N, C-alpha and C. Protein backbone atom coordinates (compact mmCIF):
# COMPACT_ATOMS: atom_id res chain seq x y z
N MET A 1 -12.40 19.85 -0.05
CA MET A 1 -12.59 20.37 1.30
C MET A 1 -13.99 20.00 1.81
N GLY A 2 -14.99 20.82 1.47
CA GLY A 2 -16.34 20.49 1.90
C GLY A 2 -17.10 19.81 0.79
N ASP A 3 -16.37 19.22 -0.17
CA ASP A 3 -16.99 18.62 -1.34
C ASP A 3 -17.54 17.23 -1.01
N LYS A 4 -18.85 17.06 -1.17
CA LYS A 4 -19.46 15.77 -0.83
C LYS A 4 -19.94 15.05 -2.10
N SER A 5 -19.40 15.45 -3.26
CA SER A 5 -19.82 14.81 -4.49
C SER A 5 -19.25 13.40 -4.57
N PRO A 6 -19.93 12.46 -5.24
CA PRO A 6 -19.44 11.09 -5.31
C PRO A 6 -18.04 10.98 -5.92
N LYS A 7 -17.73 11.87 -6.86
CA LYS A 7 -16.41 11.84 -7.50
C LYS A 7 -15.32 12.09 -6.46
N ALA A 8 -15.52 13.07 -5.60
CA ALA A 8 -14.53 13.39 -4.59
C ALA A 8 -14.36 12.22 -3.63
N ASN A 9 -15.47 11.60 -3.25
CA ASN A 9 -15.40 10.46 -2.34
C ASN A 9 -14.67 9.28 -3.00
N GLN A 10 -14.92 9.09 -4.30
CA GLN A 10 -14.26 8.00 -5.03
C GLN A 10 -12.76 8.23 -5.04
N LYS A 11 -12.35 9.47 -5.29
CA LYS A 11 -10.93 9.79 -5.34
C LYS A 11 -10.26 9.46 -4.02
N LYS A 12 -10.90 9.85 -2.93
CA LYS A 12 -10.32 9.60 -1.60
C LYS A 12 -10.14 8.11 -1.35
N SER A 13 -11.14 7.31 -1.71
CA SER A 13 -11.06 5.87 -1.44
C SER A 13 -9.97 5.24 -2.30
N THR A 14 -9.82 5.68 -3.55
CA THR A 14 -8.78 5.08 -4.40
C THR A 14 -7.40 5.47 -3.88
N GLN A 15 -7.25 6.68 -3.38
CA GLN A 15 -5.96 7.09 -2.83
C GLN A 15 -5.64 6.26 -1.60
N LYS A 16 -6.64 6.01 -0.77
CA LYS A 16 -6.42 5.19 0.43
C LYS A 16 -6.00 3.78 0.03
N GLN A 17 -6.66 3.22 -0.98
CA GLN A 17 -6.33 1.87 -1.44
C GLN A 17 -4.90 1.83 -1.97
N ALA A 18 -4.51 2.84 -2.74
CA ALA A 18 -3.16 2.87 -3.31
C ALA A 18 -2.12 2.93 -2.20
N ALA A 19 -2.38 3.75 -1.19
CA ALA A 19 -1.43 3.87 -0.08
C ALA A 19 -1.35 2.55 0.68
N ALA A 20 -2.47 1.91 0.88
CA ALA A 20 -2.48 0.64 1.61
C ALA A 20 -1.74 -0.43 0.82
N SER A 21 -1.95 -0.48 -0.48
CA SER A 21 -1.30 -1.52 -1.29
C SER A 21 0.20 -1.28 -1.36
N SER A 22 0.64 -0.02 -1.44
CA SER A 22 2.07 0.23 -1.49
C SER A 22 2.72 -0.13 -0.16
N ALA A 23 2.04 0.12 0.93
CA ALA A 23 2.58 -0.26 2.25
C ALA A 23 2.65 -1.78 2.35
N ASP A 24 1.64 -2.45 1.81
CA ASP A 24 1.63 -3.91 1.84
C ASP A 24 2.78 -4.47 1.01
N GLN A 25 3.03 -3.86 -0.15
CA GLN A 25 4.13 -4.30 -1.00
C GLN A 25 5.47 -4.13 -0.29
N LYS A 26 5.64 -3.03 0.41
CA LYS A 26 6.89 -2.80 1.15
C LYS A 26 7.09 -3.87 2.20
N LYS A 27 6.02 -4.22 2.89
CA LYS A 27 6.10 -5.27 3.92
C LYS A 27 6.53 -6.59 3.27
N LYS A 28 5.90 -6.93 2.15
CA LYS A 28 6.23 -8.19 1.46
C LYS A 28 7.69 -8.19 1.01
N GLN A 29 8.16 -7.06 0.50
CA GLN A 29 9.55 -6.98 0.05
C GLN A 29 10.49 -7.18 1.22
N ALA A 30 10.18 -6.58 2.36
CA ALA A 30 11.03 -6.71 3.54
C ALA A 30 11.08 -8.17 3.98
N ILE A 31 9.93 -8.83 3.98
CA ILE A 31 9.88 -10.24 4.38
C ILE A 31 10.69 -11.07 3.38
N ALA A 32 10.52 -10.80 2.10
CA ALA A 32 11.22 -11.56 1.06
C ALA A 32 12.73 -11.37 1.21
N SER A 33 13.18 -10.15 1.43
CA SER A 33 14.61 -9.92 1.55
C SER A 33 15.17 -10.60 2.80
N LYS A 34 14.39 -10.61 3.87
CA LYS A 34 14.84 -11.28 5.11
C LYS A 34 14.97 -12.78 4.86
N SER A 35 13.97 -13.38 4.21
CA SER A 35 14.01 -14.83 3.99
C SER A 35 15.14 -15.17 3.01
N ALA A 36 15.39 -14.31 2.04
CA ALA A 36 16.46 -14.57 1.08
C ALA A 36 17.81 -14.50 1.81
N ALA A 37 17.96 -13.57 2.71
CA ALA A 37 19.21 -13.42 3.45
C ALA A 37 19.45 -14.64 4.33
N SER A 38 18.41 -15.17 4.94
CA SER A 38 18.57 -16.33 5.82
C SER A 38 18.87 -17.58 4.99
N LYS A 39 18.37 -17.63 3.75
CA LYS A 39 18.63 -18.81 2.90
C LYS A 39 20.08 -18.85 2.46
N LYS A 40 20.70 -17.67 2.25
CA LYS A 40 22.07 -17.61 1.75
C LYS A 40 23.06 -18.17 2.77
N LYS A 41 22.76 -18.01 4.05
CA LYS A 41 23.71 -18.43 5.10
C LYS A 41 23.92 -19.95 5.14
């Protein structure tokens, strides 16, 4: 909450990175599945 210790800040940044990377992976998977579907036709 009002914790300004470096550990708390580190935790927040790693959580943000994890969320961003998982969103990026989902985007890549969607693109890959779309391209695979177009190749099959």
